[in-house]
């Protein structure tokens, strides 16, 4: 799916959500939605705010935070708590389940998808009598760059 088609779909979805929940349809909310769906990274609210400001949009920090929470509620954005201090966000509409590997040194986040994880999830739900609708798997370690840096420092 092309980026413009995706943005059109999420805009339509978000519009319906706002109408159904009697929320205001503001230009700022749709600018933020488009900015999020134009990127391919994990981001925090401050990074999003800075990027929006750099593009000369007049959107307050509070609007960024509030809109992010609204987008999480309507499942257009997924919120991750990878460490104990900072929430990271990513777009989620039309994206299949994926998992993450995080470097404990540089905080690099890498996404991966392995169908065996879904098989395990389904099997565990079956065995333990659960209906599982989503999962989160986060693996922590050192990325290749950080591992090489550590090895160099020891030499």
C-alpha atoms as a PDB file:
ATOM      1  CA  UNK A   1       0.000   0.000   0.000  1.00  0.00           C
ATOM      2  CA  UNK A   2       1.333   3.413  -0.951  1.00  0.00           C
ATOM      3  CA  UNK A   3       1.925   5.998   1.762  1.00  0.00           C
ATOM      4  CA  UNK A   4      -0.727   8.417   0.450  1.00  0.00           C
ATOM      5  CA  UNK A   5      -3.320   5.614   0.331  1.00  0.00           C
ATOM      6  CA  UNK A   6      -2.435   4.639   3.891  1.00  0.00           C
ATOM      7  CA  UNK A   7      -2.714   8.241   5.090  1.00  0.00           C
ATOM      8  CA  UNK A   8      -6.109   8.546   3.378  1.00  0.00           C
ATOM      9  CA  UNK A   9      -7.321   5.350   5.081  1.00  0.00           C
ATOM     10  CA  UNK A  10      -6.144   6.346   8.555  1.00  0.00           C
ATOM     11  CA  UNK A  11      -7.585   9.840   8.107  1.00  0.00           C
ATOM     12  CA  UNK A  12     -10.970   8.332   7.241  1.00  0.00           C
ATOM     13  CA  UNK A  13     -10.742   5.906  10.182  1.00  0.00           C
ATOM     14  CA  UNK A  14      -9.724   8.684  12.596  1.00  0.00           C
ATOM     15  CA  UNK A  15     -12.533  10.939  11.333  1.00  0.00           C
ATOM     16  CA  UNK A  16     -15.117   8.210  12.009  1.00  0.00           C
ATOM     17  CA  UNK A  17     -13.607   7.544  15.445  1.00  0.00           C
ATOM     18  CA  UNK A  18     -13.758  11.225  16.398  1.00  0.00           C
ATOM     19  CA  UNK A  19     -17.364  11.502  15.214  1.00  0.00           C
ATOM     20  CA  UNK A  20     -18.449   8.334  17.043  1.00  0.00           C
ATOM     21  CA  UNK A  21     -16.798   9.537  20.254  1.00  0.00           C
ATOM     22  CA  UNK A  22     -18.007  13.120  19.875  1.00  0.00           C
ATOM     23  CA  UNK A  23     -14.493  14.529  19.734  1.00  0.00           C
ATOM     24  CA  UNK A  24     -13.461  17.626  17.818  1.00  0.00           C
ATOM     25  CA  UNK A  25     -11.932  17.191  14.352  1.00  0.00           C
ATOM     26  CA  UNK A  26      -9.139  19.759  14.483  1.00  0.00           C
ATOM     27  CA  UNK A  27      -6.505  20.519  11.862  1.00  0.00           C
ATOM     28  CA  UNK A  28      -3.798  19.949  14.493  1.00  0.00           C
ATOM     29  CA  UNK A  29      -4.924  16.373  15.146  1.00  0.00           C
ATOM     30  CA  UNK A  30      -4.848  15.538  11.449  1.00  0.00           C
ATOM     31  CA  UNK A  31      -1.449  17.200  10.946  1.00  0.00           C
ATOM     32  CA  UNK A  32      -0.070  15.015  13.745  1.00  0.00           C
ATOM     33  CA  UNK A  33      -1.702  11.907  12.278  1.00  0.00           C
ATOM     34  CA  UNK A  34      -0.137  12.593   8.882  1.00  0.00           C
ATOM     35  CA  UNK A  35       3.275  13.270  10.441  1.00  0.00           C
ATOM     36  CA  UNK A  36       3.145   9.967  12.319  1.00  0.00           C
ATOM     37  CA  UNK A  37       2.097   7.992   9.244  1.00  0.00           C
ATOM     38  CA  UNK A  38       4.823   9.645   7.160  1.00  0.00           C
ATOM     39  CA  UNK A  39       7.580   8.272   9.363  1.00  0.00           C
ATOM     40  CA  UNK A  40       9.033   4.791   9.794  1.00  0.00           C
ATOM     41  CA  UNK A  41      10.537   4.930  13.245  1.00  0.00           C
ATOM     42  CA  UNK A  42       9.779   4.673  16.923  1.00  0.00           C
ATOM     43  CA  UNK A  43       9.503   8.137  18.411  1.00  0.00           C
ATOM     44  CA  UNK A  44       8.783   9.834  21.691  1.00  0.00           C
ATOM     45  CA  UNK A  45       6.338  12.692  22.152  1.00  0.00           C
ATOM     46  CA  UNK A  46       9.118  15.275  22.443  1.00  0.00           C
ATOM     47  CA  UNK A  47      10.732  14.151  19.177  1.00  0.00           C
ATOM     48  CA  UNK A  48       7.352  14.401  17.456  1.00  0.00           C
ATOM     49  CA  UNK A  49       6.813  17.866  18.935  1.00  0.00           C
ATOM     50  CA  UNK A  50      10.259  19.039  17.766  1.00  0.00           C
ATOM     51  CA  UNK A  51       9.727  17.625  14.268  1.00  0.00           C
ATOM     52  CA  UNK A  52       6.335  19.348  13.992  1.00  0.00           C
ATOM     53  CA  UNK A  53       7.796  22.624  15.252  1.00  0.00           C
ATOM     54  CA  UNK A  54      10.668  22.386  12.750  1.00  0.00           C
ATOM     55  CA  UNK A  55       8.066  22.147   9.974  1.00  0.00           C
ATOM     56  CA  UNK A  56       6.620  25.453  11.189  1.00  0.00           C
ATOM     57  CA  UNK A  57       3.320  24.017  12.431  1.00  0.00           C
ATOM     58  CA  UNK A  58       1.884  25.844  15.409  1.00  0.00           C
ATOM     59  CA  UNK A  59       0.878  22.921  17.602  1.00  0.00           C
ATOM     60  CA  UNK A  60       1.338  22.997  21.342  1.00  0.00           C
ATOM     61  CA  UNK A  61       3.194  20.351  23.297  1.00  0.00           C
ATOM     62  CA  UNK A  62      -0.045  19.576  25.177  1.00  0.00           C
ATOM     63  CA  UNK A  63      -1.852  18.961  21.877  1.00  0.00           C
ATOM     64  CA  UNK A  64       0.886  16.536  20.813  1.00  0.00           C
ATOM     65  CA  UNK A  65       0.619  14.565  24.061  1.00  0.00           C
ATOM     66  CA  UNK A  66      -3.187  14.589  24.094  1.00  0.00           C
ATOM     67  CA  UNK A  67      -3.467  13.592  20.440  1.00  0.00           C
ATOM     68  CA  UNK A  68      -0.994  10.747  20.925  1.00  0.00           C
ATOM     69  CA  UNK A  69      -3.151   9.368  23.741  1.00  0.00           C
ATOM     70  CA  UNK A  70      -6.243   9.700  21.553  1.00  0.00           C
ATOM     71  CA  UNK A  71      -4.490   7.870  18.699  1.00  0.00           C
ATOM     72  CA  UNK A  72      -3.476   5.100  21.108  1.00  0.00           C
ATOM     73  CA  UNK A  73      -7.102   4.782  22.279  1.00  0.00           C
ATOM     74  CA  UNK A  74      -8.360   4.385  18.713  1.00  0.00           C
ATOM     75  CA  UNK A  75      -5.510   1.932  17.941  1.00  0.00           C
ATOM     76  CA  UNK A  76      -3.873   3.989  15.207  1.00  0.00           C
ATOM     77  CA  UNK A  77      -0.705   4.297  17.305  1.00  0.00           C
ATOM     78  CA  UNK A  78       0.913   1.783  19.608  1.00  0.00           C
ATOM     79  CA  UNK A  79       2.614   2.914  22.802  1.00  0.00           C
ATOM     80  CA  UNK A  80       5.670   1.028  24.046  1.00  0.00           C
ATOM     81  CA  UNK A  81       7.349   1.255  27.416  1.00  0.00           C
ATOM     82  CA  UNK A  82      10.716  -0.243  26.479  1.00  0.00           C
ATOM     83  CA  UNK A  83      12.526   1.102  29.515  1.00  0.00           C
ATOM     84  CA  UNK A  84      11.354   2.538  32.802  1.00  0.00           C
ATOM     85  CA  UNK A  85      11.440   6.188  31.817  1.00  0.00           C
ATOM     86  CA  UNK A  86      10.362   6.860  28.265  1.00  0.00           C
ATOM     87  CA  UNK A  87       7.358   5.893  26.178  1.00  0.00           C
ATOM     88  CA  UNK A  88       7.945   5.330  22.490  1.00  0.00           C
ATOM     89  CA  UNK A  89       5.227   5.307  19.862  1.00  0.00           C
ATOM     90  CA  UNK A  90       4.802   3.818  16.398  1.00  0.00           C
ATOM     91  CA  UNK A  91       2.037   3.725  13.827  1.00  0.00           C
ATOM     92  CA  UNK A  92      -0.046   0.572  14.010  1.00  0.00           C
ATOM     93  CA  UNK A  93      -2.867   0.652  11.441  1.00  0.00           C
ATOM     94  CA  UNK A  94      -2.440  -2.092   8.870  1.00  0.00           C
ATOM     95  CA  UNK A  95       0.778  -3.366  10.406  1.00  0.00           C
ATOM     96  CA  UNK A  96       1.101  -6.983  11.388  1.00  0.00           C
ATOM     97  CA  UNK A  97       2.247  -8.049  14.816  1.00  0.00           C
ATOM     98  CA  UNK A  98       5.965  -7.678  15.293  1.00  0.00           C
ATOM     99  CA  UNK A  99       8.429  -7.835  18.123  1.00  0.00           C
ATOM    100  CA  UNK A 100      11.464  -5.833  19.164  1.00  0.00           C
ATOM    101  CA  UNK A 101      15.132  -6.258  20.039  1.00  0.00           C
ATOM    102  CA  UNK A 102      16.640  -3.368  22.003  1.00  0.00           C
ATOM    103  CA  UNK A 103      20.287  -2.587  22.593  1.00  0.00           C
ATOM    104  CA  UNK A 104      20.876  -1.952  26.297  1.00  0.00           C
ATOM    105  CA  UNK A 105      23.774   0.358  25.488  1.00  0.00           C
ATOM    106  CA  UNK A 106      22.619   2.680  22.659  1.00  0.00           C
ATOM    107  CA  UNK A 107      18.845   2.000  22.883  1.00  0.00           C
ATOM    108  CA  UNK A 108      18.651   1.047  19.200  1.00  0.00           C
ATOM    109  CA  UNK A 109      15.283  -0.624  18.489  1.00  0.00           C
ATOM    110  CA  UNK A 110      15.033  -3.278  15.772  1.00  0.00           C
ATOM    111  CA  UNK A 111      11.731  -4.815  14.735  1.00  0.00           C
ATOM    112  CA  UNK A 112      11.401  -8.436  13.664  1.00  0.00           C
ATOM    113  CA  UNK A 113       8.656 -10.871  12.840  1.00  0.00           C
ATOM    114  CA  UNK A 114       8.889 -14.634  13.125  1.00  0.00           C
ATOM    115  CA  UNK A 115       5.789 -16.750  12.459  1.00  0.00           C
ATOM    116  CA  UNK A 116       6.933 -19.290  15.062  1.00  0.00           C
ATOM    117  CA  UNK A 117       6.213 -16.721  17.785  1.00  0.00           C
ATOM    118  CA  UNK A 118       2.595 -16.507  16.629  1.00  0.00           C
ATOM    119  CA  UNK A 119       2.406 -20.306  16.649  1.00  0.00           C
ATOM    120  CA  UNK A 120       3.692 -20.395  20.233  1.00  0.00           C
ATOM    121  CA  UNK A 121       1.237 -17.658  21.236  1.00  0.00           C
ATOM    122  CA  UNK A 122      -1.692 -19.572  19.710  1.00  0.00           C
ATOM    123  CA  UNK A 123      -0.600 -22.844  21.331  1.00  0.00           C
ATOM    124  CA  UNK A 124      -0.221 -21.242  24.783  1.00  0.00           C
ATOM    125  CA  UNK A 125      -3.658 -19.656  24.481  1.00  0.00           C
ATOM    126  CA  UNK A 126      -5.097 -23.041  23.595  1.00  0.00           C
ATOM    127  CA  UNK A 127      -3.292 -24.872  26.415  1.00  0.00           C
ATOM    128  CA  UNK A 128      -4.144 -22.287  29.072  1.00  0.00           C
ATOM    129  CA  UNK A 129      -7.680 -21.550  27.829  1.00  0.00           C
ATOM    130  CA  UNK A 130      -7.017 -17.938  26.813  1.00  0.00           C
ATOM    131  CA  UNK A 131      -8.133 -15.987  23.789  1.00  0.00           C
ATOM    132  CA  UNK A 132      -5.022 -14.029  22.940  1.00  0.00           C
ATOM    133  CA  UNK A 133      -5.598 -10.983  20.752  1.00  0.00           C
ATOM    134  CA  UNK A 134      -2.066  -9.538  20.833  1.00  0.00           C
ATOM    135  CA  UNK A 135       1.321  -9.992  22.419  1.00  0.00           C
ATOM    136  CA  UNK A 136       4.538  -8.146  23.115  1.00  0.00           C
ATOM    137  CA  UNK A 137       7.978  -9.692  22.991  1.00  0.00           C
ATOM    138  CA  UNK A 138      10.994  -7.533  23.753  1.00  0.00           C
ATOM    139  CA  UNK A 139      14.498  -8.954  23.675  1.00  0.00           C
ATOM    140  CA  UNK A 140      17.357  -6.990  25.248  1.00  0.00           C
ATOM    141  CA  UNK A 141      21.045  -7.290  24.459  1.00  0.00           C
ATOM    142  CA  UNK A 142      23.905  -5.506  22.745  1.00  0.00           C
ATOM    143  CA  UNK A 143      23.814  -4.584  19.065  1.00  0.00           C
ATOM    144  CA  UNK A 144      26.778  -5.473  16.874  1.00  0.00           C
ATOM    145  CA  UNK A 145      28.188  -1.930  16.926  1.00  0.00           C
ATOM    146  CA  UNK A 146      28.132  -1.681  20.732  1.00  0.00           C
ATOM    147  CA  UNK A 147      29.570  -5.182  21.100  1.00  0.00           C
ATOM    148  CA  UNK A 148      32.446  -4.288  18.752  1.00  0.00           C
ATOM    149  CA  UNK A 149      33.043  -1.037  20.683  1.00  0.00           C
ATOM    150  CA  UNK A 150      33.224  -2.955  23.975  1.00  0.00           C
ATOM    151  CA  UNK A 151      35.631  -5.480  22.467  1.00  0.00           C
ATOM    152  CA  UNK A 152      37.880  -2.651  21.188  1.00  0.00           C
ATOM    153  CA  UNK A 153      37.937  -1.006  24.632  1.00  0.00           C
ATOM    154  CA  UNK A 154      39.024  -4.277  26.285  1.00  0.00           C
ATOM    155  CA  UNK A 155      41.906  -4.753  23.793  1.00  0.00           C
END
